[in-house]
Amino acid sequence: MNWCPRVSGISAVAFFLVLAGAAVTPLNAQSSRREFQLQAESPLFWNLIDHNAKLETVGTGFGFTEGPVWDESGFLYVSDETINKIFRLYRDGKKEEVIALGDPDGNTYDRQHRLIDCASVLRAIIEVTKDGKYKILADHFEGKKLNSPNDVIVGPDGALYFTDPTLDLVAGEKQEIPFQGVYRLDDKGNVQLLTKELTQPNGLAFSPDGKRLYIDDSQERNIHAYDVAADGSVANGRIFGEEPASGKHEGVPDGMRVDKDGNLFVTGPKGIWVWDAKGNHLGTIVMPEQPANLNWGDKDYHTLYITATTSVYRLETKTQGFVPYVSH
């Protein structure tokens, strides 16, 4: 889940702007701030978000935020792709550096409560250890270097599932795998290709019953759904939804999360698009800054924490998030 480093010699921020129909300009010059709004496309939207919900700024002053992961002790892990660090961010805005790392991106806890990161410069899935170091879990497929792992989640079988687009491929480095894949990484270090049909796979999430895997394609601006077999393989890929933009600088599908009832919260043009499990767009949470990712947090996981460009925001909801590494 990310939009900051390298795409064939240009930054992914620049690529994001190309997709949005804009000239290639630095991130800080590209977006005028919007006002927070709740835009319902269906009355069912209000079953998930209160009419009077307020958006809270948790922290700001970052370069480009990604990969939020809530820790039950009361803080959030946040990647900063520009500053090249992962931080602990507390509700009062306090930041603590966890590790300095070239272009960290999407993060998750695994079932063992280890912090897992997509390390774009390393072209690897890594474990961030408690002593502020890292251990590479996977950086090759069939003897070839991964492209630039982007987002990672835990599957219903406890394995790690990740996307590997070229969005953050370091300028000047060679793409060794001739496609942008989605993979499964088991606890023995085996990397299994699930699909290579997406152009630039980015965010991904499982349905609460584990029978469906959603993956969005940032370049094509759509969300795909796959049926999941018992061995973790996927089949019957189809387009679940589209997130077209009507203007410049509006954003693309990126990070996504699912609630306990199977509703999807997917970053996209202007903010976060909310979908039901049947592919109906229920409404949009318009954000003041373009979000790249989001995750559930707080007690009982009723709150969305949203990484949006230079800031991290918090929005309480009426639903409960589905968090695959947490037993509710």
C-alpha atoms as a PDB file:
ATOM      1  CA  MET A   1       0.000   0.000   0.000  1.00  0.00           C
ATOM      2  CA  ASN A   2       1.966   2.982  -0.939  1.00  0.00           C
ATOM      3  CA  TRP A   3       2.690   5.934  -3.126  1.00  0.00           C
ATOM      4  CA  CYS A   4       6.101   7.344  -2.497  1.00  0.00           C
ATOM      5  CA  PRO A   5       9.267   5.847  -3.978  1.00  0.00           C
ATOM      6  CA  ARG A   6      10.347   4.587  -7.404  1.00  0.00           C
ATOM      7  CA  VAL A   7       8.621   3.637 -10.636  1.00  0.00           C
ATOM      8  CA  SER A   8      11.033   3.064 -13.511  1.00  0.00           C
ATOM      9  CA  GLY A   9      13.203   5.991 -12.531  1.00  0.00           C
ATOM     10  CA  ILE A  10      10.472   8.363 -11.310  1.00  0.00           C
ATOM     11  CA  SER A  11       8.959   8.558  -7.875  1.00  0.00           C
ATOM     12  CA  ALA A  12       5.735   6.745  -7.140  1.00  0.00           C
ATOM     13  CA  VAL A  13       4.364  10.091  -6.006  1.00  0.00           C
ATOM     14  CA  ALA A  14       5.012  11.304  -9.523  1.00  0.00           C
ATOM     15  CA  PHE A  15       3.406   8.144 -10.914  1.00  0.00           C
ATOM     16  CA  PHE A  16       0.373   8.799  -8.728  1.00  0.00           C
ATOM     17  CA  LEU A  17       0.126  12.247 -10.283  1.00  0.00           C
ATOM     18  CA  VAL A  18       0.433  10.839 -13.777  1.00  0.00           C
ATOM     19  CA  LEU A  19      -2.459   8.489 -13.020  1.00  0.00           C
ATOM     20  CA  ALA A  20      -4.446  11.423 -11.690  1.00  0.00           C
ATOM     21  CA  GLY A  21      -3.860  13.330 -14.922  1.00  0.00           C
ATOM     22  CA  ALA A  22      -1.484  15.847 -13.425  1.00  0.00           C
ATOM     23  CA  ALA A  23       1.922  17.111 -14.349  1.00  0.00           C
ATOM     24  CA  VAL A  24       4.787  15.439 -12.509  1.00  0.00           C
ATOM     25  CA  THR A  25       5.378  17.675  -9.506  1.00  0.00           C
ATOM     26  CA  PRO A  26       6.625  17.114  -5.972  1.00  0.00           C
ATOM     27  CA  LEU A  27       4.137  15.757  -3.469  1.00  0.00           C
ATOM     28  CA  ASN A  28       4.038  18.861  -1.318  1.00  0.00           C
ATOM     29  CA  ALA A  29       3.160  20.974  -4.348  1.00  0.00           C
ATOM     30  CA  GLN A  30       0.396  18.738  -5.654  1.00  0.00           C
ATOM     31  CA  SER A  31      -2.585  18.796  -3.323  1.00  0.00           C
ATOM     32  CA  SER A  32      -4.830  21.517  -2.033  1.00  0.00           C
ATOM     33  CA  ARG A  33      -6.416  20.418   1.215  1.00  0.00           C
ATOM     34  CA  ARG A  34     -10.034  19.347   1.229  1.00  0.00           C
ATOM     35  CA  GLU A  35     -12.597  19.586   3.996  1.00  0.00           C
ATOM     36  CA  PHE A  36     -13.597  16.422   5.826  1.00  0.00           C
ATOM     37  CA  GLN A  37     -17.004  15.302   4.612  1.00  0.00           C
ATOM     38  CA  LEU A  38     -19.217  12.232   4.784  1.00  0.00           C
ATOM     39  CA  GLN A  39     -20.850  11.615   1.399  1.00  0.00           C
ATOM     40  CA  ALA A  40     -23.481   8.870   1.400  1.00  0.00           C
ATOM     41  CA  GLU A  41     -24.402   7.033  -1.790  1.00  0.00           C
ATOM     42  CA  SER A  42     -26.799   4.783   0.141  1.00  0.00           C
ATOM     43  CA  PRO A  43     -28.693   5.121   3.452  1.00  0.00           C
ATOM     44  CA  LEU A  44     -26.778   2.019   4.567  1.00  0.00           C
ATOM     45  CA  PHE A  45     -23.661   4.183   4.837  1.00  0.00           C
ATOM     46  CA  TRP A  46     -25.078   5.680   8.030  1.00  0.00           C
ATOM     47  CA  ASN A  47     -25.218   2.225   9.628  1.00  0.00           C
ATOM     48  CA  LEU A  48     -21.422   2.310   9.571  1.00  0.00           C
ATOM     49  CA  ILE A  49     -20.583   5.983  10.159  1.00  0.00           C
ATOM     50  CA  ASP A  50     -22.449   8.396  12.413  1.00  0.00           C
ATOM     51  CA  HIS A  51     -23.814  11.545  10.752  1.00  0.00           C
ATOM     52  CA  ASN A  52     -21.955  13.616  13.325  1.00  0.00           C
ATOM     53  CA  ALA A  53     -18.669  11.698  13.325  1.00  0.00           C
ATOM     54  CA  LYS A  54     -15.625  13.918  13.818  1.00  0.00           C
ATOM     55  CA  LEU A  55     -12.204  13.465  12.265  1.00  0.00           C
ATOM     56  CA  GLU A  56      -9.326  13.853  14.738  1.00  0.00           C
ATOM     57  CA  THR A  57      -5.709  14.575  13.835  1.00  0.00           C
ATOM     58  CA  VAL A  58      -3.446  12.244  15.810  1.00  0.00           C
ATOM     59  CA  GLY A  59      -0.129  13.391  14.389  1.00  0.00           C
ATOM     60  CA  THR A  60       1.235  15.515  11.559  1.00  0.00           C
ATOM     61  CA  GLY A  61       4.501  16.809  10.154  1.00  0.00           C
ATOM     62  CA  PHE A  62       5.426  13.536   8.470  1.00  0.00           C
ATOM     63  CA  GLY A  63       6.803  13.199   4.948  1.00  0.00           C
ATOM     64  CA  PHE A  64       4.472  10.524   3.572  1.00  0.00           C
ATOM     65  CA  THR A  65       2.612   8.192   5.933  1.00  0.00           C
ATOM     66  CA  GLU A  66       1.802   4.526   5.362  1.00  0.00           C
ATOM     67  CA  GLY A  67       1.306   1.175   7.047  1.00  0.00           C
ATOM     68  CA  PRO A  68      -0.679   1.898  10.253  1.00  0.00           C
ATOM     69  CA  VAL A  69      -0.839  -0.929  12.792  1.00  0.00           C
ATOM     70  CA  TRP A  70      -2.560  -0.483  16.159  1.00  0.00           C
ATOM     71  CA  ASP A  71      -0.959  -1.954  19.258  1.00  0.00           C
ATOM     72  CA  GLU A  72      -3.304  -2.699  22.145  1.00  0.00           C
ATOM     73  CA  SER A  73      -0.937  -1.015  24.598  1.00  0.00           C
ATOM     74  CA  GLY A  74      -2.055   2.297  23.074  1.00  0.00           C
ATOM     75  CA  PHE A  75       0.078   3.348  20.126  1.00  0.00           C
ATOM     76  CA  LEU A  76       0.185   3.058  16.364  1.00  0.00           C
ATOM     77  CA  TYR A  77       3.052   1.929  14.167  1.00  0.00           C
ATOM     78  CA  VAL A  78       3.401   4.256  11.174  1.00  0.00           C
ATOM     79  CA  SER A  79       5.801   4.111   8.227  1.00  0.00           C
ATOM     80  CA  ASP A  80       7.198   7.343   6.837  1.00  0.00           C
ATOM     81  CA  GLU A  81       8.377   6.692   3.301  1.00  0.00           C
ATOM     82  CA  THR A  82      10.036  10.081   2.901  1.00  0.00           C
ATOM     83  CA  ILE A  83      11.912  10.169   6.193  1.00  0.00           C
ATOM     84  CA  ASN A  84      12.645   6.413   5.800  1.00  0.00           C
ATOM     85  CA  LYS A  85      11.647   5.417   9.321  1.00  0.00           C
ATOM     86  CA  ILE A  86       8.972   3.519  11.206  1.00  0.00           C
ATOM     87  CA  PHE A  87       7.578   5.310  14.246  1.00  0.00           C
ATOM     88  CA  ARG A  88       5.407   4.585  17.240  1.00  0.00           C
ATOM     89  CA  LEU A  89       2.735   7.285  17.287  1.00  0.00           C
ATOM     90  CA  TYR A  90       0.705   7.912  20.442  1.00  0.00           C
ATOM     91  CA  ARG A  91      -2.734   9.501  20.765  1.00  0.00           C
ATOM     92  CA  ASP A  92      -1.150  12.709  22.088  1.00  0.00           C
ATOM     93  CA  GLY A  93       0.982  13.029  18.942  1.00  0.00           C
ATOM     94  CA  LYS A  94       4.208  11.805  20.546  1.00  0.00           C
ATOM     95  CA  LYS A  95       6.520   9.984  18.093  1.00  0.00           C
ATOM     96  CA  GLU A  96       9.184   7.399  18.893  1.00  0.00           C
ATOM     97  CA  GLU A  97      11.549   6.098  16.243  1.00  0.00           C
ATOM     98  CA  VAL A  98      11.460   2.310  15.907  1.00  0.00           C
ATOM     99  CA  ILE A  99      13.851   1.744  12.996  1.00  0.00           C
ATOM    100  CA  ALA A 100      15.512   3.668  10.167  1.00  0.00           C
ATOM    101  CA  LEU A 101      14.861   1.776   6.960  1.00  0.00           C
ATOM    102  CA  GLY A 102      14.872   2.668   3.266  1.00  0.00           C
ATOM    103  CA  ASP A 103      11.269   3.283   2.237  1.00  0.00           C
ATOM    104  CA  PRO A 104       9.169   1.210   4.667  1.00  0.00           C
ATOM    105  CA  ASP A 105       5.630   0.664   3.420  1.00  0.00           C
ATOM    106  CA  GLY A 106       2.691  -1.535   4.468  1.00  0.00           C
ATOM    107  CA  ASN A 107       2.842  -3.250   7.864  1.00  0.00           C
ATOM    108  CA  THR A 108       0.960  -5.874   9.820  1.00  0.00           C
ATOM    109  CA  TYR A 109       1.242  -7.923  12.968  1.00  0.00           C
ATOM    110  CA  ASP A 110       1.369 -11.645  12.365  1.00  0.00           C
ATOM    111  CA  ARG A 111      -0.201 -14.311  14.577  1.00  0.00           C
ATOM    112  CA  GLN A 112       2.930 -14.285  16.770  1.00  0.00           C
ATOM    113  CA  HIS A 113       2.573 -10.519  17.274  1.00  0.00           C
ATOM    114  CA  ARG A 114       5.694  -9.789  15.230  1.00  0.00           C
ATOM    115  CA  LEU A 115       5.749  -6.521  13.277  1.00  0.00           C
ATOM    116  CA  ILE A 116       6.008  -7.350   9.562  1.00  0.00           C
ATOM    117  CA  ASP A 117       6.982  -4.663   7.039  1.00  0.00           C
ATOM    118  CA  CYS A 118       7.194  -4.323   3.269  1.00  0.00           C
ATOM    119  CA  ALA A 119      10.703  -2.917   2.851  1.00  0.00           C
ATOM    120  CA  SER A 120      10.812  -1.425  -0.619  1.00  0.00           C
ATOM    121  CA  VAL A 121      14.521  -0.600  -0.847  1.00  0.00           C
ATOM    122  CA  LEU A 122      15.433  -4.061   0.450  1.00  0.00           C
ATOM    123  CA  ARG A 123      12.858  -5.515  -1.955  1.00  0.00           C
ATOM    124  CA  ALA A 124      11.806  -7.772   0.888  1.00  0.00           C
ATOM    125  CA  ILE A 125       9.233  -8.783   3.461  1.00  0.00           C
ATOM    126  CA  ILE A 126      10.906  -8.306   6.829  1.00  0.00           C
ATOM    127  CA  GLU A 127      10.298  -8.786  10.522  1.00  0.00           C
ATOM    128  CA  VAL A 128      11.122  -5.685  12.581  1.00  0.00           C
ATOM    129  CA  THR A 129      12.641  -7.048  15.765  1.00  0.00           C
ATOM    130  CA  LYS A 130      12.178  -5.669  19.253  1.00  0.00           C
ATOM    131  CA  ASP A 131      15.770  -4.408  19.371  1.00  0.00           C
ATOM    132  CA  GLY A 132      15.184  -2.062  16.421  1.00  0.00           C
ATOM    133  CA  LYS A 133      16.717  -4.306  13.776  1.00  0.00           C
ATOM    134  CA  TYR A 134      15.213  -6.450  11.060  1.00  0.00           C
ATOM    135  CA  LYS A 135      15.216  -9.977   9.693  1.00  0.00           C
ATOM    136  CA  ILE A 136      14.458 -10.750   6.042  1.00  0.00           C
ATOM    137  CA  LEU A 137      11.640 -13.271   5.680  1.00  0.00           C
ATOM    138  CA  ALA A 138      11.498 -13.276   1.874  1.00  0.00           C
ATOM    139  CA  ASP A 139      13.218 -11.303  -0.878  1.00  0.00           C
ATOM    140  CA  HIS A 140      13.186 -13.680  -3.878  1.00  0.00           C
ATOM    141  CA  PHE A 141      10.748 -15.707  -5.953  1.00  0.00           C
ATOM    142  CA  GLU A 142      12.164 -18.580  -7.994  1.00  0.00           C
ATOM    143  CA  GLY A 143      15.658 -17.141  -7.635  1.00  0.00           C
ATOM    144  CA  LYS A 144      14.741 -13.641  -8.790  1.00  0.00           C
ATOM    145  CA  LYS A 145      14.548 -10.510  -6.636  1.00  0.00           C
ATOM    146  CA  LEU A 146      11.109  -9.281  -5.669  1.00  0.00           C
ATOM    147  CA  ASN A 147      10.087  -5.945  -7.206  1.00  0.00           C
ATOM    148  CA  SER A 148       9.064  -3.700  -4.304  1.00  0.00           C
ATOM    149  CA  PRO A 149       6.705  -5.338  -1.779  1.00  0.00           C
ATOM    150  CA  ASN A 150       3.926  -2.934  -1.006  1.00  0.00           C
ATOM    151  CA  ASP A 151       1.279  -4.262   1.353  1.00  0.00           C
ATOM    152  CA  VAL A 152       1.029  -7.329   3.590  1.00  0.00           C
ATOM    153  CA  ILE A 153      -1.737  -9.026   5.570  1.00  0.00           C
ATOM    154  CA  VAL A 154      -2.296 -12.201   7.560  1.00  0.00           C
ATOM    155  CA  GLY A 155      -4.456 -14.841   5.898  1.00  0.00           C
ATOM    156  CA  PRO A 156      -6.993 -17.169   7.514  1.00  0.00           C
ATOM    157  CA  ASP A 157      -4.311 -19.889   7.526  1.00  0.00           C
ATOM    158  CA  GLY A 158      -1.811 -17.700   9.388  1.00  0.00           C
ATOM    159  CA  ALA A 159       0.388 -17.216   6.323  1.00  0.00           C
ATOM    160  CA  LEU A 160       1.430 -13.781   5.078  1.00  0.00           C
ATOM    161  CA  TYR A 161      -0.040 -12.502   1.818  1.00  0.00           C
ATOM    162  CA  PHE A 162       1.610  -9.594   0.020  1.00  0.00           C
ATOM    163  CA  THR A 163       1.561  -7.550  -3.173  1.00  0.00           C
ATOM    164  CA  ASP A 164       4.694  -6.882  -5.222  1.00  0.00           C
ATOM    165  CA  PRO A 165       4.180  -4.104  -7.781  1.00  0.00           C
ATOM    166  CA  THR A 166       6.930  -1.966  -9.297  1.00  0.00           C
ATOM    167  CA  LEU A 167       5.579   1.214  -7.685  1.00  0.00           C
ATOM    168  CA  ASP A 168       8.596   1.564  -5.389  1.00  0.00           C
ATOM    169  CA  LEU A 169      11.284  -0.133  -7.442  1.00  0.00           C
ATOM    170  CA  VAL A 170      14.428   1.841  -6.694  1.00  0.00           C
ATOM    171  CA  ALA A 171      15.585   4.019  -9.599  1.00  0.00           C
ATOM    172  CA  GLY A 172      18.344   2.300 -11.546  1.00  0.00           C
ATOM    173  CA  GLU A 173      17.613  -1.180 -10.199  1.00  0.00           C
ATOM    174  CA  LYS A 174      16.535  -3.951 -12.551  1.00  0.00           C
ATOM    175  CA  GLN A 175      13.125  -5.578 -12.457  1.00  0.00           C
ATOM    176  CA  GLU A 176      13.982  -9.283 -12.396  1.00  0.00           C
ATOM    177  CA  ILE A 177      10.474 -10.759 -12.184  1.00  0.00           C
ATOM    178  CA  PRO A 178       8.671  -9.904 -15.456  1.00  0.00           C
ATOM    179  CA  PHE A 179       5.288  -9.258 -13.810  1.00  0.00           C
ATOM    180  CA  GLN A 180       3.736  -7.646 -10.737  1.00  0.00           C
ATOM    181  CA  GLY A 181       2.533 -10.483  -8.537  1.00  0.00           C
ATOM    182  CA  VAL A 182       0.573 -11.301  -5.403  1.00  0.00           C
ATOM    183  CA  TYR A 183       2.128 -13.935  -3.151  1.00  0.00           C
ATOM    184  CA  ARG A 184       1.645 -16.172  -0.133  1.00  0.00           C
ATOM    185  CA  LEU A 185       4.551 -16.580   2.325  1.00  0.00           C
ATOM    186  CA  ASP A 186       4.294 -19.510   4.734  1.00  0.00           C
ATOM    187  CA  ASP A 187       6.060 -19.993   8.069  1.00  0.00           C
ATOM    188  CA  LYS A 188       8.772 -22.097   6.402  1.00  0.00           C
ATOM    189  CA  GLY A 189       9.773 -19.250   4.082  1.00  0.00           C
ATOM    190  CA  ASN A 190       8.132 -20.684   0.959  1.00  0.00           C
ATOM    191  CA  VAL A 191       6.857 -18.041  -1.482  1.00  0.00           C
ATOM    192  CA  GLN A 192       3.873 -19.069  -3.624  1.00  0.00           C
ATOM    193  CA  LEU A 193       2.606 -16.986  -6.553  1.00  0.00           C
ATOM    194  CA  LEU A 194      -1.151 -16.465  -6.335  1.00  0.00           C
ATOM    195  CA  THR A 195      -1.783 -14.253  -9.355  1.00  0.00           C
ATOM    196  CA  LYS A 196       0.127 -12.117 -11.843  1.00  0.00           C
ATOM    197  CA  GLU A 197      -2.845 -10.695 -13.721  1.00  0.00           C
ATOM    198  CA  LEU A 198      -2.973  -7.284 -12.056  1.00  0.00           C
ATOM    199  CA  THR A 199      -1.077  -4.312 -13.486  1.00  0.00           C
ATOM    200  CA  GLN A 200      -0.004  -2.692 -10.194  1.00  0.00           C
ATOM    201  CA  PRO A 201      -1.445  -4.693  -7.247  1.00  0.00           C
ATOM    202  CA  ASN A 202      -1.515  -2.691  -4.059  1.00  0.00           C
ATOM    203  CA  GLY A 203      -3.829  -3.054  -1.040  1.00  0.00           C
ATOM    204  CA  LEU A 204      -5.351  -6.396  -0.103  1.00  0.00           C
ATOM    205  CA  ALA A 205      -7.733  -7.849   2.484  1.00  0.00           C
ATOM    206  CA  PHE A 206      -9.582 -11.071   3.278  1.00  0.00           C
ATOM    207  CA  SER A 207     -13.295 -11.325   3.932  1.00  0.00           C
ATOM    208  CA  PRO A 208     -14.024 -12.255   7.562  1.00  0.00           C
ATOM    209  CA  ASP A 209     -14.881 -15.855   6.594  1.00  0.00           C
ATOM    210  CA  GLY A 210     -11.578 -16.189   4.701  1.00  0.00           C
ATOM    211  CA  LYS A 211     -13.308 -17.307   1.511  1.00  0.00           C
ATOM    212  CA  ARG A 212     -12.637 -14.177  -0.534  1.00  0.00           C
ATOM    213  CA  LEU A 213      -9.445 -12.170  -1.148  1.00  0.00           C
ATOM    214  CA  TYR A 214      -9.731  -8.574  -2.328  1.00  0.00           C
ATOM    215  CA  ILE A 215      -6.837  -6.891  -4.132  1.00  0.00           C
ATOM    216  CA  ASP A 216      -6.880  -3.449  -5.681  1.00  0.00           C
ATOM    217  CA  ASP A 217      -5.011  -2.340  -8.779  1.00  0.00           C
ATOM    218  CA  SER A 218      -3.809   1.234  -8.434  1.00  0.00           C
ATOM    219  CA  GLN A 219      -3.055   1.714 -12.110  1.00  0.00           C
ATOM    220  CA  GLU A 220      -6.375   0.331 -13.345  1.00  0.00           C
ATOM    221  CA  ARG A 221      -8.274   2.014 -10.486  1.00  0.00           C
ATOM    222  CA  ASN A 222     -10.279  -1.068  -9.589  1.00  0.00           C
ATOM    223  CA  ILE A 223     -10.747  -3.739  -6.929  1.00  0.00           C
ATOM    224  CA  HIS A 224     -10.564  -7.450  -7.758  1.00  0.00           C
ATOM    225  CA  ALA A 225     -12.101 -10.334  -5.796  1.00  0.00           C
ATOM    226  CA  TYR A 226     -10.858 -13.939  -5.765  1.00  0.00           C
ATOM    227  CA  ASP A 227     -12.192 -17.154  -4.293  1.00  0.00           C
ATOM    228  CA  VAL A 228      -9.743 -18.690  -1.799  1.00  0.00           C
ATOM    229  CA  ALA A 229      -9.094 -22.437  -1.557  1.00  0.00           C
ATOM    230  CA  ALA A 230      -8.089 -24.317   1.575  1.00  0.00           C
ATOM    231  CA  ASP A 231      -4.421 -24.301   0.507  1.00  0.00           C
ATOM    232  CA  GLY A 232      -4.421 -20.503   0.110  1.00  0.00           C
ATOM    233  CA  SER A 233      -4.511 -20.530  -3.693  1.00  0.00           C
ATOM    234  CA  VAL A 234      -6.966 -18.229  -5.448  1.00  0.00           C
ATOM    235  CA  ALA A 235      -9.291 -18.613  -8.429  1.00  0.00           C
ATOM    236  CA  ASN A 236     -12.177 -16.973 -10.269  1.00  0.00           C
ATOM    237  CA  GLY A 237     -10.714 -13.481 -10.324  1.00  0.00           C
ATOM    238  CA  ARG A 238     -13.242 -10.778 -11.191  1.00  0.00           C
ATOM    239  CA  ILE A 239     -13.655  -7.031 -10.835  1.00  0.00           C
ATOM    240  CA  PHE A 240     -15.482  -6.198  -7.616  1.00  0.00           C
ATOM    241  CA  GLY A 241     -15.616  -2.424  -8.006  1.00  0.00           C
ATOM    242  CA  GLU A 242     -14.177   0.593  -9.823  1.00  0.00           C
ATOM    243  CA  GLU A 243     -12.883   3.831  -8.278  1.00  0.00           C
ATOM    244  CA  PRO A 244     -12.594   6.322 -11.145  1.00  0.00           C
ATOM    245  CA  ALA A 245     -11.409   9.876 -10.578  1.00  0.00           C
ATOM    246  CA  SER A 246     -13.275  12.905 -11.877  1.00  0.00           C
ATOM    247  CA  GLY A 247     -10.414  15.373 -11.491  1.00  0.00           C
ATOM    248  CA  LYS A 248      -6.729  15.837 -10.778  1.00  0.00           C
ATOM    249  CA  HIS A 249      -4.891  14.893  -7.574  1.00  0.00           C
ATOM    250  CA  GLU A 250      -7.791  12.783  -6.294  1.00  0.00           C
ATOM    251  CA  GLY A 251      -5.981   9.579  -5.446  1.00  0.00           C
ATOM    252  CA  VAL A 252      -6.217   5.919  -6.461  1.00  0.00           C
ATOM    253  CA  PRO A 253      -7.155   2.604  -4.813  1.00  0.00           C
ATOM    254  CA  ASP A 254      -4.436   1.782  -2.285  1.00  0.00           C
ATOM    255  CA  GLY A 255      -4.830   0.468   1.271  1.00  0.00           C
ATOM    256  CA  MET A 256      -7.984  -1.400   2.270  1.00  0.00           C
ATOM    257  CA  ARG A 257      -9.607  -2.915   5.352  1.00  0.00           C
ATOM    258  CA  VAL A 258     -12.753  -4.936   6.049  1.00  0.00           C
ATOM    259  CA  ASP A 259     -15.191  -4.767   8.944  1.00  0.00           C
ATOM    260  CA  LYS A 260     -16.678  -7.777  10.759  1.00  0.00           C
ATOM    261  CA  ASP A 261     -19.716  -7.761   8.452  1.00  0.00           C
ATOM    262  CA  GLY A 262     -17.615  -7.828   5.286  1.00  0.00           C
ATOM    263  CA  ASN A 263     -17.909  -4.171   4.291  1.00  0.00           C
ATOM    264  CA  LEU A 264     -14.780  -2.779   2.595  1.00  0.00           C
ATOM    265  CA  PHE A 265     -13.048   0.512   3.385  1.00  0.00           C
ATOM    266  CA  VAL A 266     -10.725   1.295   0.457  1.00  0.00           C
ATOM    267  CA  THR A 267      -8.654   4.408  -0.130  1.00  0.00           C
ATOM    268  CA  GLY A 268      -9.447   6.080  -3.435  1.00  0.00           C
ATOM    269  CA  PRO A 269     -10.261   9.394  -5.092  1.00  0.00           C
ATOM    270  CA  LYS A 270     -10.741  12.118  -2.440  1.00  0.00           C
ATOM    271  CA  GLY A 271     -10.636   9.768   0.531  1.00  0.00           C
ATOM    272  CA  ILE A 272     -11.973   6.384   1.615  1.00  0.00           C
ATOM    273  CA  TRP A 273     -14.618   4.570  -0.401  1.00  0.00           C
ATOM    274  CA  VAL A 274     -16.973   2.320   1.575  1.00  0.00           C
ATOM    275  CA  TRP A 275     -18.357  -0.768  -0.170  1.00  0.00           C
ATOM    276  CA  ASP A 276     -20.694  -3.529   0.947  1.00  0.00           C
ATOM    277  CA  ALA A 277     -19.788  -7.163   0.318  1.00  0.00           C
ATOM    278  CA  LYS A 278     -21.904  -7.226  -2.858  1.00  0.00           C
ATOM    279  CA  GLY A 279     -19.868  -4.473  -4.521  1.00  0.00           C
ATOM    280  CA  ASN A 280     -22.226  -1.560  -3.856  1.00  0.00           C
ATOM    281  CA  HIS A 281     -20.517   1.785  -3.190  1.00  0.00           C
ATOM    282  CA  LEU A 282     -22.216   2.992   0.008  1.00  0.00           C
ATOM    283  CA  GLY A 283     -20.392   6.298   0.373  1.00  0.00           C
ATOM    284  CA  THR A 284     -17.103   8.148   0.657  1.00  0.00           C
ATOM    285  CA  ILE A 285     -15.214   9.557   3.632  1.00  0.00           C
ATOM    286  CA  VAL A 286     -13.683  12.676   2.086  1.00  0.00           C
ATOM    287  CA  MET A 287     -10.347  13.386   3.748  1.00  0.00           C
ATOM    288  CA  PRO A 288      -8.457  16.699   4.098  1.00  0.00           C
ATOM    289  CA  GLU A 289      -5.321  14.978   2.772  1.00  0.00           C
ATOM    290  CA  GLN A 290      -5.189  12.068   0.349  1.00  0.00           C
ATOM    291  CA  PRO A 291      -4.993   8.789   2.318  1.00  0.00           C
ATOM    292  CA  ALA A 292      -2.717   5.909   1.373  1.00  0.00           C
ATOM    293  CA  ASN A 293      -3.714   3.395   4.028  1.00  0.00           C
ATOM    294  CA  LEU A 294      -5.837   2.690   7.089  1.00  0.00           C
ATOM    295  CA  ASN A 295      -6.338   0.184   9.890  1.00  0.00           C
ATOM    296  CA  TRP A 296      -8.620  -0.565  12.817  1.00  0.00           C
ATOM    297  CA  GLY A 297      -7.675   0.394  16.349  1.00  0.00           C
ATOM    298  CA  ASP A 298      -8.733   1.445  19.847  1.00  0.00           C
ATOM    299  CA  LYS A 299     -10.712  -0.736  22.231  1.00  0.00           C
ATOM    300  CA  ASP A 300     -12.794  -3.337  20.361  1.00  0.00           C
ATOM    301  CA  TYR A 301     -11.407  -1.996  17.048  1.00  0.00           C
ATOM    302  CA  HIS A 302     -14.248   0.394  16.248  1.00  0.00           C
ATOM    303  CA  THR A 303     -11.925   3.218  15.130  1.00  0.00           C
ATOM    304  CA  LEU A 304     -10.230   3.780  11.789  1.00  0.00           C
ATOM    305  CA  TYR A 305      -6.674   5.113  11.900  1.00  0.00           C
ATOM    306  CA  ILE A 306      -5.855   6.676   8.549  1.00  0.00           C
ATOM    307  CA  THR A 307      -2.429   7.522   7.144  1.00  0.00           C
ATOM    308  CA  ALA A 308      -2.936  10.456   4.791  1.00  0.00           C
ATOM    309  CA  THR A 309       0.085  12.130   3.195  1.00  0.00           C
ATOM    310  CA  THR A 310       1.722  14.212   5.977  1.00  0.00           C
ATOM    311  CA  SER A 311      -0.662  13.237   8.779  1.00  0.00           C
ATOM    312  CA  VAL A 312      -2.390  10.451  10.673  1.00  0.00           C
ATOM    313  CA  TYR A 313      -6.098  10.780  11.437  1.00  0.00           C
ATOM    314  CA  ARG A 314      -8.590   8.979  13.650  1.00  0.00           C
ATOM    315  CA  LEU A 315     -12.292   8.378  12.930  1.00  0.00           C
ATOM    316  CA  GLU A 316     -14.677   6.511  15.222  1.00  0.00           C
ATOM    317  CA  THR A 317     -17.199   4.284  13.448  1.00  0.00           C
ATOM    318  CA  LYS A 318     -20.385   2.389  14.331  1.00  0.00           C
ATOM    319  CA  THR A 319     -18.957  -0.903  13.128  1.00  0.00           C
ATOM    320  CA  GLN A 320     -16.226  -3.215  14.359  1.00  0.00           C
ATOM    321  CA  GLY A 321     -13.171  -3.896  12.279  1.00  0.00           C
ATOM    322  CA  PHE A 322     -12.076  -7.335  11.218  1.00  0.00           C
ATOM    323  CA  VAL A 323      -8.463  -7.735  12.377  1.00  0.00           C
ATOM    324  CA  PRO A 324      -7.119 -11.148  11.322  1.00  0.00           C
ATOM    325  CA  TYR A 325      -4.361 -11.340  13.942  1.00  0.00           C
ATOM    326  CA  VAL A 326      -6.676 -10.445  16.843  1.00  0.00           C
ATOM    327  CA  SER A 327      -9.253 -12.699  18.522  1.00  0.00           C
ATOM    328  CA  HIS A 328     -12.263 -10.533  19.362  1.00  0.00           C
END
